[in-house]
C-alpha atoms as a PDB file:
ATOM      1  CA  MET A   1     -53.709  18.113  64.250  1.00  0.00           C
ATOM      2  CA  THR A   2     -54.955  21.650  63.812  1.00  0.00           C
ATOM      3  CA  LEU A   3     -58.473  20.965  62.599  1.00  0.00           C
ATOM      4  CA  VAL A   4     -60.361  22.257  65.652  1.00  0.00           C
ATOM      5  CA  GLY A   5     -63.650  23.709  64.518  1.00  0.00           C
ATOM      6  CA  ARG A   6     -63.786  21.691  61.312  1.00  0.00           C
ATOM      7  CA  SER A   7     -66.936  19.727  60.502  1.00  0.00           C
ATOM      8  CA  TYR A   8     -67.171  16.766  58.199  1.00  0.00           C
ATOM      9  CA  ALA A   9     -70.320  16.642  56.100  1.00  0.00           C
ATOM     10  CA  PRO A  10     -72.981  14.054  56.779  1.00  0.00           C
ATOM     11  CA  THR A  11     -71.930  10.565  55.924  1.00  0.00           C
ATOM     12  CA  GLU A  12     -73.786   8.304  53.586  1.00  0.00           C
ATOM     13  CA  THR A  13     -77.082   7.189  55.029  1.00  0.00           C
ATOM     14  CA  TYR A  14     -76.796   4.277  57.463  1.00  0.00           C
ATOM     15  CA  ARG A  15     -79.787   1.926  57.476  1.00  0.00           C
ATOM     16  CA  VAL A  16     -80.245   0.414  60.931  1.00  0.00           C
ATOM     17  CA  SER A  17     -81.041  -3.284  60.708  1.00  0.00           C
ATOM     18  CA  ALA A  18     -82.570  -5.622  63.257  1.00  0.00           C
ATOM     19  CA  ALA A  19     -79.612  -7.965  62.701  1.00  0.00           C
ATOM     20  CA  LYS A  20     -77.049  -5.271  63.638  1.00  0.00           C
ATOM     21  CA  ILE A  21     -79.101  -4.332  66.703  1.00  0.00           C
ATOM     22  CA  ALA A  22     -79.176  -8.005  67.774  1.00  0.00           C
ATOM     23  CA  GLU A  23     -75.397  -8.244  67.274  1.00  0.00           C
ATOM     24  CA  MET A  24     -74.785  -5.192  69.473  1.00  0.00           C
ATOM     25  CA  ALA A  25     -77.206  -6.461  72.114  1.00  0.00           C
ATOM     26  CA  ALA A  26     -75.375  -9.793  72.234  1.00  0.00           C
ATOM     27  CA  ALA A  27     -71.941  -8.131  72.312  1.00  0.00           C
ATOM     28  CA  THR A  28     -72.894  -5.825  75.190  1.00  0.00           C
ATOM     29  CA  GLY A  29     -75.045  -8.268  77.161  1.00  0.00           C
ATOM     30  CA  ALA A  30     -78.197  -6.185  76.626  1.00  0.00           C
ATOM     31  CA  ALA A  31     -80.747  -8.918  77.282  1.00  0.00           C
ATOM     32  CA  HIS A  32     -84.048  -7.025  77.077  1.00  0.00           C
ATOM     33  CA  PRO A  33     -86.319  -8.752  74.532  1.00  0.00           C
ATOM     34  CA  ALA A  34     -87.103  -5.414  72.831  1.00  0.00           C
ATOM     35  CA  HIS A  35     -83.589  -5.591  71.300  1.00  0.00           C
ATOM     36  CA  THR A  36     -84.318  -8.827  69.429  1.00  0.00           C
ATOM     37  CA  ASP A  37     -88.088  -9.394  69.403  1.00  0.00           C
ATOM     38  CA  ARG A  38     -90.218  -7.066  67.270  1.00  0.00           C
ATOM     39  CA  ASP A  39     -93.398  -7.948  69.198  1.00  0.00           C
ATOM     40  CA  ALA A  40     -91.743  -7.118  72.533  1.00  0.00           C
ATOM     41  CA  ALA A  41     -90.564  -3.787  71.096  1.00  0.00           C
ATOM     42  CA  ARG A  42     -94.001  -2.996  69.712  1.00  0.00           C
ATOM     43  CA  GLU A  43     -95.580  -3.696  73.105  1.00  0.00           C
ATOM     44  CA  LEU A  44     -93.372  -0.868  74.378  1.00  0.00           C
ATOM     45  CA  GLY A  45     -94.523   1.474  71.602  1.00  0.00           C
ATOM     46  CA  TYR A  46     -91.646   1.119  69.121  1.00  0.00           C
ATOM     47  CA  ASP A  47     -92.150   0.412  65.411  1.00  0.00           C
ATOM     48  CA  ASP A  48     -89.447  -2.278  65.429  1.00  0.00           C
ATOM     49  CA  VAL A  49     -86.666  -3.625  67.649  1.00  0.00           C
ATOM     50  CA  VAL A  50     -84.906  -0.911  69.618  1.00  0.00           C
ATOM     51  CA  ALA A  51     -81.130  -0.575  69.810  1.00  0.00           C
ATOM     52  CA  PRO A  52     -79.188  -0.629  73.069  1.00  0.00           C
ATOM     53  CA  PRO A  53     -77.951   2.902  73.923  1.00  0.00           C
ATOM     54  CA  THR A  54     -74.371   2.095  72.913  1.00  0.00           C
ATOM     55  CA  PHE A  55     -75.470   1.265  69.349  1.00  0.00           C
ATOM     56  CA  ALA A  56     -74.979   4.934  68.454  1.00  0.00           C
ATOM     57  CA  VAL A  57     -71.218   4.300  68.499  1.00  0.00           C
ATOM     58  CA  VAL A  58     -71.591   2.035  65.450  1.00  0.00           C
ATOM     59  CA  VAL A  59     -72.971   4.947  63.449  1.00  0.00           C
ATOM     60  CA  ALA A  60     -70.621   7.545  64.964  1.00  0.00           C
ATOM     61  CA  GLN A  61     -67.412   5.616  64.374  1.00  0.00           C
ATOM     62  CA  ARG A  62     -68.254   5.100  60.708  1.00  0.00           C
ATOM     63  CA  ALA A  63     -68.557   8.874  60.361  1.00  0.00           C
ATOM     64  CA  GLU A  64     -65.443   9.644  62.443  1.00  0.00           C
ATOM     65  CA  GLN A  65     -63.391   7.851  59.802  1.00  0.00           C
ATOM     66  CA  ALA A  66     -63.658  10.978  57.625  1.00  0.00           C
ATOM     67  CA  TYR A  67     -61.640  12.937  60.182  1.00  0.00           C
ATOM     68  CA  ILE A  68     -59.193  10.163  60.993  1.00  0.00           C
ATOM     69  CA  ALA A  69     -58.538   9.524  57.290  1.00  0.00           C
ATOM     70  CA  ASP A  70     -58.044  13.237  56.535  1.00  0.00           C
ATOM     71  CA  PRO A  71     -54.304  13.662  55.856  1.00  0.00           C
ATOM     72  CA  GLU A  72     -54.465  17.072  57.583  1.00  0.00           C
ATOM     73  CA  SER A  73     -55.423  15.386  60.876  1.00  0.00           C
ATOM     74  CA  GLY A  74     -52.007  13.759  61.077  1.00  0.00           C
ATOM     75  CA  ILE A  75     -53.497  10.756  62.870  1.00  0.00           C
ATOM     76  CA  ASP A  76     -51.698   7.448  62.548  1.00  0.00           C
ATOM     77  CA  PHE A  77     -54.469   5.098  63.685  1.00  0.00           C
ATOM     78  CA  SER A  78     -51.908   2.538  64.896  1.00  0.00           C
ATOM     79  CA  ARG A  79     -51.079   5.072  67.645  1.00  0.00           C
ATOM     80  CA  VAL A  80     -54.682   5.657  68.764  1.00  0.00           C
ATOM     81  CA  VAL A  81     -56.252   4.570  72.039  1.00  0.00           C
ATOM     82  CA  HIS A  82     -59.930   5.201  72.617  1.00  0.00           C
ATOM     83  CA  ALA A  83     -60.075   7.296  75.800  1.00  0.00           C
ATOM     84  CA  GLU A  84     -63.733   8.229  76.334  1.00  0.00           C
ATOM     85  CA  GLU A  85     -67.224   7.978  74.846  1.00  0.00           C
ATOM     86  CA  ARG A  86     -70.375   9.814  75.964  1.00  0.00           C
ATOM     87  CA  PHE A  87     -73.882   9.569  74.559  1.00  0.00           C
ATOM     88  CA  THR A  88     -76.814  11.958  74.556  1.00  0.00           C
ATOM     89  CA  HIS A  89     -79.920  10.354  73.113  1.00  0.00           C
ATOM     90  CA  HIS A  90     -82.703  12.502  71.727  1.00  0.00           C
ATOM     91  CA  ARG A  91     -84.762   9.409  70.940  1.00  0.00           C
ATOM     92  CA  PRO A  92     -84.113   5.667  70.737  1.00  0.00           C
ATOM     93  CA  ILE A  93     -82.620   4.163  67.592  1.00  0.00           C
ATOM     94  CA  VAL A  94     -84.845   1.492  66.030  1.00  0.00           C
ATOM     95  CA  ALA A  95     -84.511  -0.942  63.145  1.00  0.00           C
ATOM     96  CA  GLY A  96     -85.436   0.738  59.892  1.00  0.00           C
ATOM     97  CA  ASP A  97     -84.006   4.136  60.861  1.00  0.00           C
ATOM     98  CA  LEU A  98     -82.074   5.934  58.135  1.00  0.00           C
ATOM     99  CA  LEU A  99     -79.320   7.906  59.876  1.00  0.00           C
ATOM    100  CA  ARG A 100     -76.796  10.520  58.733  1.00  0.00           C
ATOM    101  CA  THR A 101     -73.950  11.851  60.821  1.00  0.00           C
ATOM    102  CA  THR A 102     -71.946  15.081  60.867  1.00  0.00           C
ATOM    103  CA  VAL A 103     -68.646  14.961  62.761  1.00  0.00           C
ATOM    104  CA  HIS A 104     -67.219  18.051  64.470  1.00  0.00           C
ATOM    105  CA  VAL A 105     -63.657  18.364  65.794  1.00  0.00           C
ATOM    106  CA  ASP A 106     -64.223  20.106  69.127  1.00  0.00           C
ATOM    107  CA  SER A 107     -60.740  20.192  70.625  1.00  0.00           C
ATOM    108  CA  VAL A 108     -57.178  18.938  70.416  1.00  0.00           C
ATOM    109  CA  THR A 109     -55.018  19.159  73.517  1.00  0.00           C
ATOM    110  CA  GLU A 110     -51.366  18.098  73.380  1.00  0.00           C
ATOM    111  CA  ARG A 111     -49.317  17.165  76.447  1.00  0.00           C
ATOM    112  CA  ALA A 112     -46.184  15.088  76.853  1.00  0.00           C
ATOM    113  CA  GLY A 113     -46.319  13.808  73.285  1.00  0.00           C
ATOM    114  CA  ILE A 114     -49.955  12.712  73.438  1.00  0.00           C
ATOM    115  CA  ALA A 115     -52.770  14.495  71.636  1.00  0.00           C
ATOM    116  CA  MET A 116     -56.250  14.211  73.129  1.00  0.00           C
ATOM    117  CA  VAL A 117     -58.665  14.652  70.213  1.00  0.00           C
ATOM    118  CA  SER A 118     -62.315  15.297  71.073  1.00  0.00           C
ATOM    119  CA  THR A 119     -64.991  14.911  68.423  1.00  0.00           C
ATOM    120  CA  ARG A 120     -68.756  15.236  68.419  1.00  0.00           C
ATOM    121  CA  ALA A 121     -70.874  13.149  66.077  1.00  0.00           C
ATOM    122  CA  GLU A 122     -74.369  14.541  65.533  1.00  0.00           C
ATOM    123  CA  ILE A 123     -76.648  11.751  64.314  1.00  0.00           C
ATOM    124  CA  ALA A 124     -79.940  12.691  62.653  1.00  0.00           C
ATOM    125  CA  ASP A 125     -82.692  10.749  60.917  1.00  0.00           C
ATOM    126  CA  ASP A 126     -83.641  11.113  57.270  1.00  0.00           C
ATOM    127  CA  ALA A 127     -85.917  14.065  58.136  1.00  0.00           C
ATOM    128  CA  GLY A 128     -82.972  15.860  59.798  1.00  0.00           C
ATOM    129  CA  THR A 129     -84.355  15.361  63.310  1.00  0.00           C
ATOM    130  CA  PRO A 130     -81.635  14.811  65.950  1.00  0.00           C
ATOM    131  CA  VAL A 131     -81.370  11.221  67.176  1.00  0.00           C
ATOM    132  CA  ALA A 132     -78.140  11.124  69.226  1.00  0.00           C
ATOM    133  CA  THR A 133     -74.931  13.000  69.967  1.00  0.00           C
ATOM    134  CA  VAL A 134     -71.787  10.949  70.524  1.00  0.00           C
ATOM    135  CA  ARG A 135     -68.773  12.674  72.074  1.00  0.00           C
ATOM    136  CA  SER A 136     -65.504  10.784  71.702  1.00  0.00           C
ATOM    137  CA  THR A 137     -61.982  11.381  72.879  1.00  0.00           C
ATOM    138  CA  LEU A 138     -59.030   9.659  71.253  1.00  0.00           C
ATOM    139  CA  ALA A 139     -55.548   9.608  72.744  1.00  0.00           C
ATOM    140  CA  VAL A 140     -53.020   9.759  69.909  1.00  0.00           C
ATOM    141  CA  ARG A 141     -49.460   8.860  70.870  1.00  0.00           C
ATOM    142  CA  GLY A 142     -46.655  10.743  69.195  1.00  0.00           C
ATOM    143  CA  GLU A 143     -43.587   9.153  67.603  1.00  0.00           C
ATOM    144  CA  GLY A 144     -41.613   6.945  70.005  1.00  0.00           C
ATOM    145  CA  ARG A 145     -44.426   6.680  72.579  1.00  0.00           C
END
């Protein structure tokens, strides 16, 4: 796992749908009507339903697959535990957004047979304007752990 500093090019465009936003809202218990009701969202100034803040992980994890699947990463996903997730939102995600993500490998720290892999997913809209930054840390157990 020596890919610190590597970036993985923007993923294919992800089209945010109202249905996926509603699914995330239900899964996370986000009950505000702006997550499922277009009129409620528009009353708040949004063009369409607005995603709960954690929705950014849906987009980020799709993009992180490029790093995890890279044979040079050495990651056996069966040995991975998700350790941490942090979000910085530059603006809310709404239905109809077209998003692209670039993943950066920020650090890999190994101790006692466990590698802590920190990545940063920069999510931008179709105009290239930043939407969210998702920082993730994966704990990857070594053989026999």
